mmCIF file of all heavy atoms, coordinates in Angstrom:
data_MODEL
# 
_entry.id   MODEL 
# 
loop_
_atom_site.group_PDB 
_atom_site.id 
_atom_site.type_symbol 
_atom_site.label_atom_id 
_atom_site.label_alt_id 
_atom_site.label_comp_id 
_atom_site.label_asym_id 
_atom_site.label_entity_id 
_atom_site.label_seq_id 
_atom_site.pdbx_PDB_ins_code 
_atom_site.Cartn_x 
_atom_site.Cartn_y 
_atom_site.Cartn_z 
_atom_site.occupancy 
_atom_site.B_iso_or_equiv 
_atom_site.pdbx_formal_charge 
_atom_site.auth_seq_id 
_atom_site.auth_comp_id 
_atom_site.auth_asym_id 
_atom_site.auth_atom_id 
_atom_site.pdbx_PDB_model_num 
ATOM 1   N N   . ARG A 1 1  ? 33.325 36.090 -0.916  1.00 0.00 ? 1  ARG A N   1 
ATOM 2   C CA  . ARG A 1 1  ? 33.446 37.008 -2.054  1.00 0.00 ? 1  ARG A CA  1 
ATOM 3   C C   . ARG A 1 1  ? 33.925 38.388 -1.628  1.00 0.00 ? 1  ARG A C   1 
ATOM 4   O O   . ARG A 1 1  ? 34.391 39.157 -2.467  1.00 0.00 ? 1  ARG A O   1 
ATOM 5   C CB  . ARG A 1 1  ? 32.131 37.096 -2.808  1.00 0.00 ? 1  ARG A CB  1 
ATOM 6   C CG  . ARG A 1 1  ? 31.844 35.819 -3.573  1.00 0.00 ? 1  ARG A CG  1 
ATOM 7   C CD  . ARG A 1 1  ? 30.711 35.963 -4.515  1.00 0.00 ? 1  ARG A CD  1 
ATOM 8   N NE  . ARG A 1 1  ? 30.569 34.756 -5.328  1.00 0.00 ? 1  ARG A NE  1 
ATOM 9   C CZ  . ARG A 1 1  ? 29.465 34.402 -5.935  1.00 0.00 ? 1  ARG A CZ  1 
ATOM 10  N NH1 . ARG A 1 1  ? 28.390 35.173 -5.840  1.00 0.00 ? 1  ARG A NH1 1 
ATOM 11  N NH2 . ARG A 1 1  ? 29.415 33.298 -6.649  1.00 0.00 ? 1  ARG A NH2 1 
ATOM 12  N N   . SER A 1 2  ? 33.824 38.693 -0.338  1.00 0.00 ? 2  SER A N   1 
ATOM 13  C CA  . SER A 1 2  ? 34.324 39.962 0.193   1.00 0.00 ? 2  SER A CA  1 
ATOM 14  C C   . SER A 1 2  ? 35.738 39.836 0.742   1.00 0.00 ? 2  SER A C   1 
ATOM 15  O O   . SER A 1 2  ? 36.300 40.810 1.228   1.00 0.00 ? 2  SER A O   1 
ATOM 16  C CB  . SER A 1 2  ? 33.398 40.453 1.314   1.00 0.00 ? 2  SER A CB  1 
ATOM 17  O OG  . SER A 1 2  ? 32.105 40.670 0.830   1.00 0.00 ? 2  SER A OG  1 
ATOM 18  N N   . SER A 1 3  ? 36.311 38.645 0.668   1.00 0.00 ? 3  SER A N   1 
ATOM 19  C CA  . SER A 1 3  ? 37.652 38.412 1.206   1.00 0.00 ? 3  SER A CA  1 
ATOM 20  C C   . SER A 1 3  ? 38.718 39.044 0.314   1.00 0.00 ? 3  SER A C   1 
ATOM 21  O O   . SER A 1 3  ? 38.434 39.531 -0.779  1.00 0.00 ? 3  SER A O   1 
ATOM 22  C CB  . SER A 1 3  ? 37.910 36.908 1.355   1.00 0.00 ? 3  SER A CB  1 
ATOM 23  O OG  . SER A 1 3  ? 37.936 36.285 0.088   1.00 0.00 ? 3  SER A OG  1 
ATOM 24  N N   . GLU A 1 4  ? 39.938 38.982 0.785   1.00 0.00 ? 4  GLU A N   1 
ATOM 25  C CA  . GLU A 1 4  ? 41.076 39.597 0.088   1.00 0.00 ? 4  GLU A CA  1 
ATOM 26  C C   . GLU A 1 4  ? 41.184 39.147 -1.368  1.00 0.00 ? 4  GLU A C   1 
ATOM 27  O O   . GLU A 1 4  ? 41.491 39.946 -2.250  1.00 0.00 ? 4  GLU A O   1 
ATOM 28  C CB  . GLU A 1 4  ? 42.360 39.231 0.845   1.00 0.00 ? 4  GLU A CB  1 
ATOM 29  C CG  . GLU A 1 4  ? 43.617 39.771 0.223   1.00 0.00 ? 4  GLU A CG  1 
ATOM 30  C CD  . GLU A 1 4  ? 44.865 39.347 0.972   1.00 0.00 ? 4  GLU A CD  1 
ATOM 31  O OE1 . GLU A 1 4  ? 44.779 38.477 1.868   1.00 0.00 ? 4  GLU A OE1 1 
ATOM 32  O OE2 . GLU A 1 4  ? 45.937 39.887 0.648   1.00 0.00 ? 4  GLU A OE2 1 
ATOM 33  N N   . PHE A 1 5  ? 40.936 37.884 -1.634  1.00 0.00 ? 5  PHE A N   1 
ATOM 34  C CA  . PHE A 1 5  ? 41.020 37.357 -2.988  1.00 0.00 ? 5  PHE A CA  1 
ATOM 35  C C   . PHE A 1 5  ? 39.640 36.927 -3.495  1.00 0.00 ? 5  PHE A C   1 
ATOM 36  O O   . PHE A 1 5  ? 39.496 35.914 -4.174  1.00 0.00 ? 5  PHE A O   1 
ATOM 37  C CB  . PHE A 1 5  ? 42.009 36.188 -3.050  1.00 0.00 ? 5  PHE A CB  1 
ATOM 38  C CG  . PHE A 1 5  ? 43.405 36.585 -2.673  1.00 0.00 ? 5  PHE A CG  1 
ATOM 39  C CD1 . PHE A 1 5  ? 43.946 36.193 -1.461  1.00 0.00 ? 5  PHE A CD1 1 
ATOM 40  C CD2 . PHE A 1 5  ? 44.168 37.372 -3.530  1.00 0.00 ? 5  PHE A CD2 1 
ATOM 41  C CE1 . PHE A 1 5  ? 45.232 36.568 -1.099  1.00 0.00 ? 5  PHE A CE1 1 
ATOM 42  C CE2 . PHE A 1 5  ? 45.461 37.753 -3.179  1.00 0.00 ? 5  PHE A CE2 1 
ATOM 43  C CZ  . PHE A 1 5  ? 45.992 37.353 -1.963  1.00 0.00 ? 5  PHE A CZ  1 
ATOM 44  N N   . GLY A 1 6  ? 38.637 37.715 -3.160  1.00 0.00 ? 6  GLY A N   1 
ATOM 45  C CA  . GLY A 1 6  ? 37.257 37.405 -3.515  1.00 0.00 ? 6  GLY A CA  1 
ATOM 46  C C   . GLY A 1 6  ? 37.022 37.194 -4.997  1.00 0.00 ? 6  GLY A C   1 
ATOM 47  O O   . GLY A 1 6  ? 36.149 36.416 -5.394  1.00 0.00 ? 6  GLY A O   1 
ATOM 48  N N   . GLU A 1 7  ? 37.831 37.847 -5.833  1.00 0.00 ? 7  GLU A N   1 
ATOM 49  C CA  . GLU A 1 7  ? 37.675 37.668 -7.281  1.00 0.00 ? 7  GLU A CA  1 
ATOM 50  C C   . GLU A 1 7  ? 38.099 36.264 -7.727  1.00 0.00 ? 7  GLU A C   1 
ATOM 51  O O   . GLU A 1 7  ? 37.793 35.837 -8.837  1.00 0.00 ? 7  GLU A O   1 
ATOM 52  C CB  . GLU A 1 7  ? 38.451 38.735 -8.061  1.00 0.00 ? 7  GLU A CB  1 
ATOM 53  C CG  . GLU A 1 7  ? 39.948 38.623 -7.980  1.00 0.00 ? 7  GLU A CG  1 
ATOM 54  C CD  . GLU A 1 7  ? 40.596 39.251 -6.739  1.00 0.00 ? 7  GLU A CD  1 
ATOM 55  O OE1 . GLU A 1 7  ? 39.862 39.802 -5.881  1.00 0.00 ? 7  GLU A OE1 1 
ATOM 56  O OE2 . GLU A 1 7  ? 41.830 39.200 -6.620  1.00 0.00 ? 7  GLU A OE2 1 
ATOM 57  N N   . ASN A 1 8  ? 38.776 35.533 -6.840  1.00 0.00 ? 8  ASN A N   1 
ATOM 58  C CA  . ASN A 1 8  ? 39.192 34.161 -7.141  1.00 0.00 ? 8  ASN A CA  1 
ATOM 59  C C   . ASN A 1 8  ? 38.197 33.116 -6.628  1.00 0.00 ? 8  ASN A C   1 
ATOM 60  O O   . ASN A 1 8  ? 38.436 31.926 -6.752  1.00 0.00 ? 8  ASN A O   1 
ATOM 61  C CB  . ASN A 1 8  ? 40.567 33.877 -6.534  1.00 0.00 ? 8  ASN A CB  1 
ATOM 62  C CG  . ASN A 1 8  ? 41.644 34.738 -7.149  1.00 0.00 ? 8  ASN A CG  1 
ATOM 63  O OD1 . ASN A 1 8  ? 41.693 35.923 -6.899  1.00 0.00 ? 8  ASN A OD1 1 
ATOM 64  N ND2 . ASN A 1 8  ? 42.484 34.153 -7.957  1.00 0.00 ? 8  ASN A ND2 1 
ATOM 65  N N   . ILE A 1 9  ? 37.098 33.583 -6.071  1.00 0.00 ? 9  ILE A N   1 
ATOM 66  C CA  . ILE A 1 9  ? 36.030 32.685 -5.628  1.00 0.00 ? 9  ILE A CA  1 
ATOM 67  C C   . ILE A 1 9  ? 35.049 32.569 -6.784  1.00 0.00 ? 9  ILE A C   1 
ATOM 68  O O   . ILE A 1 9  ? 34.408 33.541 -7.184  1.00 0.00 ? 9  ILE A O   1 
ATOM 69  C CB  . ILE A 1 9  ? 35.306 33.214 -4.375  1.00 0.00 ? 9  ILE A CB  1 
ATOM 70  C CG1 . ILE A 1 9  ? 36.304 33.474 -3.238  1.00 0.00 ? 9  ILE A CG1 1 
ATOM 71  C CG2 . ILE A 1 9  ? 34.185 32.272 -3.959  1.00 0.00 ? 9  ILE A CG2 1 
ATOM 72  C CD1 . ILE A 1 9  ? 37.062 32.265 -2.751  1.00 0.00 ? 9  ILE A CD1 1 
ATOM 73  N N   . LEU A 1 10 ? 34.923 31.370 -7.334  1.00 0.00 ? 10 LEU A N   1 
ATOM 74  C CA  . LEU A 1 10 ? 34.051 31.161 -8.485  1.00 0.00 ? 10 LEU A CA  1 
ATOM 75  C C   . LEU A 1 10 ? 32.648 30.745 -8.080  1.00 0.00 ? 10 LEU A C   1 
ATOM 76  O O   . LEU A 1 10 ? 31.679 31.091 -8.756  1.00 0.00 ? 10 LEU A O   1 
ATOM 77  C CB  . LEU A 1 10 ? 34.656 30.102 -9.409  1.00 0.00 ? 10 LEU A CB  1 
ATOM 78  C CG  . LEU A 1 10 ? 36.070 30.383 -9.902  1.00 0.00 ? 10 LEU A CG  1 
ATOM 79  C CD1 . LEU A 1 10 ? 36.576 29.237 -10.758 1.00 0.00 ? 10 LEU A CD1 1 
ATOM 80  C CD2 . LEU A 1 10 ? 36.106 31.696 -10.676 1.00 0.00 ? 10 LEU A CD2 1 
ATOM 81  N N   . TYR A 1 11 ? 32.542 29.984 -6.993  1.00 0.00 ? 11 TYR A N   1 
ATOM 82  C CA  . TYR A 1 11 ? 31.232 29.466 -6.601  1.00 0.00 ? 11 TYR A CA  1 
ATOM 83  C C   . TYR A 1 11 ? 31.281 28.973 -5.173  1.00 0.00 ? 11 TYR A C   1 
ATOM 84  O O   . TYR A 1 11 ? 32.261 28.360 -4.743  1.00 0.00 ? 11 TYR A O   1 
ATOM 85  C CB  . TYR A 1 11 ? 30.845 28.298 -7.529  1.00 0.00 ? 11 TYR A CB  1 
ATOM 86  C CG  . TYR A 1 11 ? 29.565 27.587 -7.156  1.00 0.00 ? 11 TYR A CG  1 
ATOM 87  C CD1 . TYR A 1 11 ? 28.329 28.131 -7.455  1.00 0.00 ? 11 TYR A CD1 1 
ATOM 88  C CD2 . TYR A 1 11 ? 29.607 26.364 -6.497  1.00 0.00 ? 11 TYR A CD2 1 
ATOM 89  C CE1 . TYR A 1 11 ? 27.151 27.480 -7.104  1.00 0.00 ? 11 TYR A CE1 1 
ATOM 90  C CE2 . TYR A 1 11 ? 28.436 25.698 -6.145  1.00 0.00 ? 11 TYR A CE2 1 
ATOM 91  C CZ  . TYR A 1 11 ? 27.215 26.265 -6.450  1.00 0.00 ? 11 TYR A CZ  1 
ATOM 92  O OH  . TYR A 1 11 ? 26.061 25.619 -6.110  1.00 0.00 ? 11 TYR A OH  1 
ATOM 93  N N   . PHE A 1 12 ? 30.218 29.205 -4.440  1.00 0.00 ? 12 PHE A N   1 
ATOM 94  C CA  . PHE A 1 12 ? 29.980 28.566 -3.156  1.00 0.00 ? 12 PHE A CA  1 
ATOM 95  C C   . PHE A 1 12 ? 28.511 28.189 -3.135  1.00 0.00 ? 12 PHE A C   1 
ATOM 96  O O   . PHE A 1 12 ? 27.644 29.044 -3.315  1.00 0.00 ? 12 PHE A O   1 
ATOM 97  C CB  . PHE A 1 12 ? 30.286 29.493 -1.974  1.00 0.00 ? 12 PHE A CB  1 
ATOM 98  C CG  . PHE A 1 12 ? 29.963 28.838 -0.653  1.00 0.00 ? 12 PHE A CG  1 
ATOM 99  C CD1 . PHE A 1 12 ? 30.859 27.958 -0.072  1.00 0.00 ? 12 PHE A CD1 1 
ATOM 100 C CD2 . PHE A 1 12 ? 28.752 29.071 -0.025  1.00 0.00 ? 12 PHE A CD2 1 
ATOM 101 C CE1 . PHE A 1 12 ? 30.553 27.317 1.119   1.00 0.00 ? 12 PHE A CE1 1 
ATOM 102 C CE2 . PHE A 1 12 ? 28.441 28.429 1.176   1.00 0.00 ? 12 PHE A CE2 1 
ATOM 103 C CZ  . PHE A 1 12 ? 29.347 27.557 1.746   1.00 0.00 ? 12 PHE A CZ  1 
ATOM 104 N N   . GLY A 1 13 ? 28.220 26.900 -2.965  1.00 0.00 ? 13 GLY A N   1 
ATOM 105 C CA  . GLY A 1 13 ? 26.826 26.480 -2.956  1.00 0.00 ? 13 GLY A CA  1 
ATOM 106 C C   . GLY A 1 13 ? 26.640 25.116 -2.329  1.00 0.00 ? 13 GLY A C   1 
ATOM 107 O O   . GLY A 1 13 ? 27.589 24.361 -2.123  1.00 0.00 ? 13 GLY A O   1 
ATOM 108 N N   . PRO A 1 14 ? 25.371 24.783 -2.040  1.00 0.00 ? 14 PRO A N   1 
ATOM 109 C CA  . PRO A 1 14 ? 25.049 23.558 -1.309  1.00 0.00 ? 14 PRO A CA  1 
ATOM 110 C C   . PRO A 1 14 ? 25.079 22.303 -2.161  1.00 0.00 ? 14 PRO A C   1 
ATOM 111 O O   . PRO A 1 14 ? 24.895 22.336 -3.371  1.00 0.00 ? 14 PRO A O   1 
ATOM 112 C CB  . PRO A 1 14 ? 23.624 23.822 -0.823  1.00 0.00 ? 14 PRO A CB  1 
ATOM 113 C CG  . PRO A 1 14 ? 23.049 24.719 -1.860  1.00 0.00 ? 14 PRO A CG  1 
ATOM 114 C CD  . PRO A 1 14 ? 24.190 25.596 -2.316  1.00 0.00 ? 14 PRO A CD  1 
ATOM 115 N N   . MET A 1 15 ? 25.302 21.180 -1.487  1.00 0.00 ? 15 MET A N   1 
ATOM 116 C CA  . MET A 1 15 ? 25.167 19.866 -2.110  1.00 0.00 ? 15 MET A CA  1 
ATOM 117 C C   . MET A 1 15 ? 23.693 19.474 -2.035  1.00 0.00 ? 15 MET A C   1 
ATOM 118 O O   . MET A 1 15 ? 23.040 19.698 -1.015  1.00 0.00 ? 15 MET A O   1 
ATOM 119 C CB  . MET A 1 15 ? 25.984 18.826 -1.338  1.00 0.00 ? 15 MET A CB  1 
ATOM 120 C CG  . MET A 1 15 ? 27.460 19.061 -1.380  1.00 0.00 ? 15 MET A CG  1 
ATOM 121 S SD  . MET A 1 15 ? 28.288 17.837 -0.340  1.00 0.00 ? 15 MET A SD  1 
ATOM 122 C CE  . MET A 1 15 ? 29.968 18.392 -0.547  1.00 0.00 ? 15 MET A CE  1 
ATOM 123 N N   . ALA A 1 16 ? 23.185 18.872 -3.079  1.00 0.00 ? 16 ALA A N   1 
ATOM 124 C CA  . ALA A 1 16 ? 21.790 18.439 -3.089  1.00 0.00 ? 16 ALA A CA  1 
ATOM 125 C C   . ALA A 1 16 ? 21.522 17.414 -1.991  1.00 0.00 ? 16 ALA A C   1 
ATOM 126 O O   . ALA A 1 16 ? 20.393 17.297 -1.509  1.00 0.00 ? 16 ALA A O   1 
ATOM 127 C CB  . ALA A 1 16 ? 21.430 17.867 -4.453  1.00 0.00 ? 16 ALA A CB  1 
ATOM 128 N N   . SER A 1 17 ? 22.542 16.694 -1.560  1.00 0.00 ? 17 SER A N   1 
ATOM 129 C CA  . SER A 1 17 ? 22.381 15.680 -0.511  1.00 0.00 ? 17 SER A CA  1 
ATOM 130 C C   . SER A 1 17 ? 22.170 16.296 0.870   1.00 0.00 ? 17 SER A C   1 
ATOM 131 O O   . SER A 1 17 ? 21.894 15.585 1.833   1.00 0.00 ? 17 SER A O   1 
ATOM 132 C CB  . SER A 1 17 ? 23.601 14.768 -0.468  1.00 0.00 ? 17 SER A CB  1 
ATOM 133 O OG  . SER A 1 17 ? 24.756 15.524 -0.122  1.00 0.00 ? 17 SER A OG  1 
ATOM 134 N N   . ARG A 1 18 ? 22.347 17.605 0.977   1.00 0.00 ? 18 ARG A N   1 
ATOM 135 C CA  . ARG A 1 18 ? 22.233 18.342 2.235   1.00 0.00 ? 18 ARG A CA  1 
ATOM 136 C C   . ARG A 1 18 ? 23.274 17.901 3.259   1.00 0.00 ? 18 ARG A C   1 
ATOM 137 O O   . ARG A 1 18 ? 23.058 17.947 4.459   1.00 0.00 ? 18 ARG A O   1 
ATOM 138 C CB  . ARG A 1 18 ? 20.812 18.243 2.806   1.00 0.00 ? 18 ARG A CB  1 
ATOM 139 C CG  . ARG A 1 18 ? 19.788 18.891 1.915   1.00 0.00 ? 18 ARG A CG  1 
ATOM 140 C CD  . ARG A 1 18 ? 18.362 18.958 2.456   1.00 0.00 ? 18 ARG A CD  1 
ATOM 141 N NE  . ARG A 1 18 ? 18.162 18.513 3.791   1.00 0.00 ? 18 ARG A NE  1 
ATOM 142 C CZ  . ARG A 1 18 ? 17.333 17.504 4.140   1.00 0.00 ? 18 ARG A CZ  1 
ATOM 143 N NH1 . ARG A 1 18 ? 16.682 16.840 3.229   1.00 0.00 ? 18 ARG A NH1 1 
ATOM 144 N NH2 . ARG A 1 18 ? 17.178 17.192 5.407   1.00 0.00 ? 18 ARG A NH2 1 
ATOM 145 N N   . THR A 1 19 ? 24.448 17.490 2.757   1.00 0.00 ? 19 THR A N   1 
ATOM 146 C CA  . THR A 1 19 ? 25.550 17.088 3.641   1.00 0.00 ? 19 THR A CA  1 
ATOM 147 C C   . THR A 1 19 ? 26.674 18.120 3.667   1.00 0.00 ? 19 THR A C   1 
ATOM 148 O O   . THR A 1 19 ? 27.651 17.938 4.388   1.00 0.00 ? 19 THR A O   1 
ATOM 149 C CB  . THR A 1 19 ? 26.123 15.719 3.241   1.00 0.00 ? 19 THR A CB  1 
ATOM 150 O OG1 . THR A 1 19 ? 26.574 15.761 1.896   1.00 0.00 ? 19 THR A OG1 1 
ATOM 151 C CG2 . THR A 1 19 ? 25.082 14.624 3.411   1.00 0.00 ? 19 THR A CG2 1 
ATOM 152 N N   . GLY A 1 20 ? 26.570 19.181 2.888   1.00 0.00 ? 20 GLY A N   1 
ATOM 153 C CA  . GLY A 1 20 ? 27.617 20.193 2.885   1.00 0.00 ? 20 GLY A CA  1 
ATOM 154 C C   . GLY A 1 20 ? 27.545 21.121 1.696   1.00 0.00 ? 20 GLY A C   1 
ATOM 155 O O   . GLY A 1 20 ? 26.473 21.326 1.116   1.00 0.00 ? 20 GLY A O   1 
ATOM 156 N N   . PHE A 1 21 ? 28.714 21.647 1.332   1.00 0.00 ? 21 PHE A N   1 
ATOM 157 C CA  . PHE A 1 21 ? 28.816 22.670 0.296   1.00 0.00 ? 21 PHE A CA  1 
ATOM 158 C C   . PHE A 1 21 ? 30.010 22.398 -0.607  1.00 0.00 ? 21 PHE A C   1 
ATOM 159 O O   . PHE A 1 21 ? 30.942 21.685 -0.228  1.00 0.00 ? 21 PHE A O   1 
ATOM 160 C CB  . PHE A 1 21 ? 29.012 24.051 0.945   1.00 0.00 ? 21 PHE A CB  1 
ATOM 161 C CG  . PHE A 1 21 ? 27.847 24.498 1.774   1.00 0.00 ? 21 PHE A CG  1 
ATOM 162 C CD1 . PHE A 1 21 ? 27.768 24.159 3.113   1.00 0.00 ? 21 PHE A CD1 1 
ATOM 163 C CD2 . PHE A 1 21 ? 26.829 25.244 1.217   1.00 0.00 ? 21 PHE A CD2 1 
ATOM 164 C CE1 . PHE A 1 21 ? 26.690 24.566 3.886   1.00 0.00 ? 21 PHE A CE1 1 
ATOM 165 C CE2 . PHE A 1 21 ? 25.748 25.658 1.972   1.00 0.00 ? 21 PHE A CE2 1 
ATOM 166 C CZ  . PHE A 1 21 ? 25.678 25.321 3.314   1.00 0.00 ? 21 PHE A CZ  1 
ATOM 167 N N   . TYR A 1 22 ? 29.991 23.027 -1.769  1.00 0.00 ? 22 TYR A N   1 
ATOM 168 C CA  . TYR A 1 22 ? 31.149 23.057 -2.658  1.00 0.00 ? 22 TYR A CA  1 
ATOM 169 C C   . TYR A 1 22 ? 31.666 24.489 -2.725  1.00 0.00 ? 22 TYR A C   1 
ATOM 170 O O   . TYR A 1 22 ? 30.881 25.445 -2.790  1.00 0.00 ? 22 TYR A O   1 
ATOM 171 C CB  . TYR A 1 22 ? 30.785 22.598 -4.073  1.00 0.00 ? 22 TYR A CB  1 
ATOM 172 C CG  . TYR A 1 22 ? 30.497 21.133 -4.168  1.00 0.00 ? 22 TYR A CG  1 
ATOM 173 C CD1 . TYR A 1 22 ? 29.210 20.678 -4.435  1.00 0.00 ? 22 TYR A CD1 1 
ATOM 174 C CD2 . TYR A 1 22 ? 31.503 20.182 -3.995  1.00 0.00 ? 22 TYR A CD2 1 
ATOM 175 C CE1 . TYR A 1 22 ? 28.939 19.323 -4.529  1.00 0.00 ? 22 TYR A CE1 1 
ATOM 176 C CE2 . TYR A 1 22 ? 31.237 18.830 -4.087  1.00 0.00 ? 22 TYR A CE2 1 
ATOM 177 C CZ  . TYR A 1 22 ? 29.952 18.409 -4.354  1.00 0.00 ? 22 TYR A CZ  1 
ATOM 178 O OH  . TYR A 1 22 ? 29.692 17.067 -4.437  1.00 0.00 ? 22 TYR A OH  1 
ATOM 179 N N   . LEU A 1 23 ? 32.974 24.624 -2.718  1.00 0.00 ? 23 LEU A N   1 
ATOM 180 C CA  . LEU A 1 23 ? 33.644 25.904 -2.922  1.00 0.00 ? 23 LEU A CA  1 
ATOM 181 C C   . LEU A 1 23 ? 34.596 25.726 -4.093  1.00 0.00 ? 23 LEU A C   1 
ATOM 182 O O   . LEU A 1 23 ? 35.463 24.847 -4.055  1.00 0.00 ? 23 LEU A O   1 
ATOM 183 C CB  . LEU A 1 23 ? 34.433 26.309 -1.663  1.00 0.00 ? 23 LEU A CB  1 
ATOM 184 C CG  . LEU A 1 23 ? 35.309 27.555 -1.802  1.00 0.00 ? 23 LEU A CG  1 
ATOM 185 C CD1 . LEU A 1 23 ? 34.456 28.807 -2.006  1.00 0.00 ? 23 LEU A CD1 1 
ATOM 186 C CD2 . LEU A 1 23 ? 36.200 27.706 -0.571  1.00 0.00 ? 23 LEU A CD2 1 
ATOM 187 N N   . LEU A 1 24 ? 34.419 26.537 -5.124  1.00 0.00 ? 24 LEU A N   1 
ATOM 188 C CA  . LEU A 1 24 ? 35.302 26.507 -6.292  1.00 0.00 ? 24 LEU A CA  1 
ATOM 189 C C   . LEU A 1 24 ? 36.143 27.769 -6.289  1.00 0.00 ? 24 LEU A C   1 
ATOM 190 O O   . LEU A 1 24 ? 35.604 28.885 -6.207  1.00 0.00 ? 24 LEU A O   1 
ATOM 191 C CB  . LEU A 1 24 ? 34.509 26.428 -7.594  1.00 0.00 ? 24 LEU A CB  1 
ATOM 192 C CG  . LEU A 1 24 ? 33.996 25.047 -7.994  1.00 0.00 ? 24 LEU A CG  1 
ATOM 193 C CD1 . LEU A 1 24 ? 32.836 24.619 -7.129  1.00 0.00 ? 24 LEU A CD1 1 
ATOM 194 C CD2 . LEU A 1 24 ? 33.603 25.045 -9.445  1.00 0.00 ? 24 LEU A CD2 1 
# 
């Protein structure tokens, strides 16, 4: 969210399976 195009980051969060993350 602090990156150059941070306003284009909608979501970063974990998978309930604890195998990774989603980035929108």
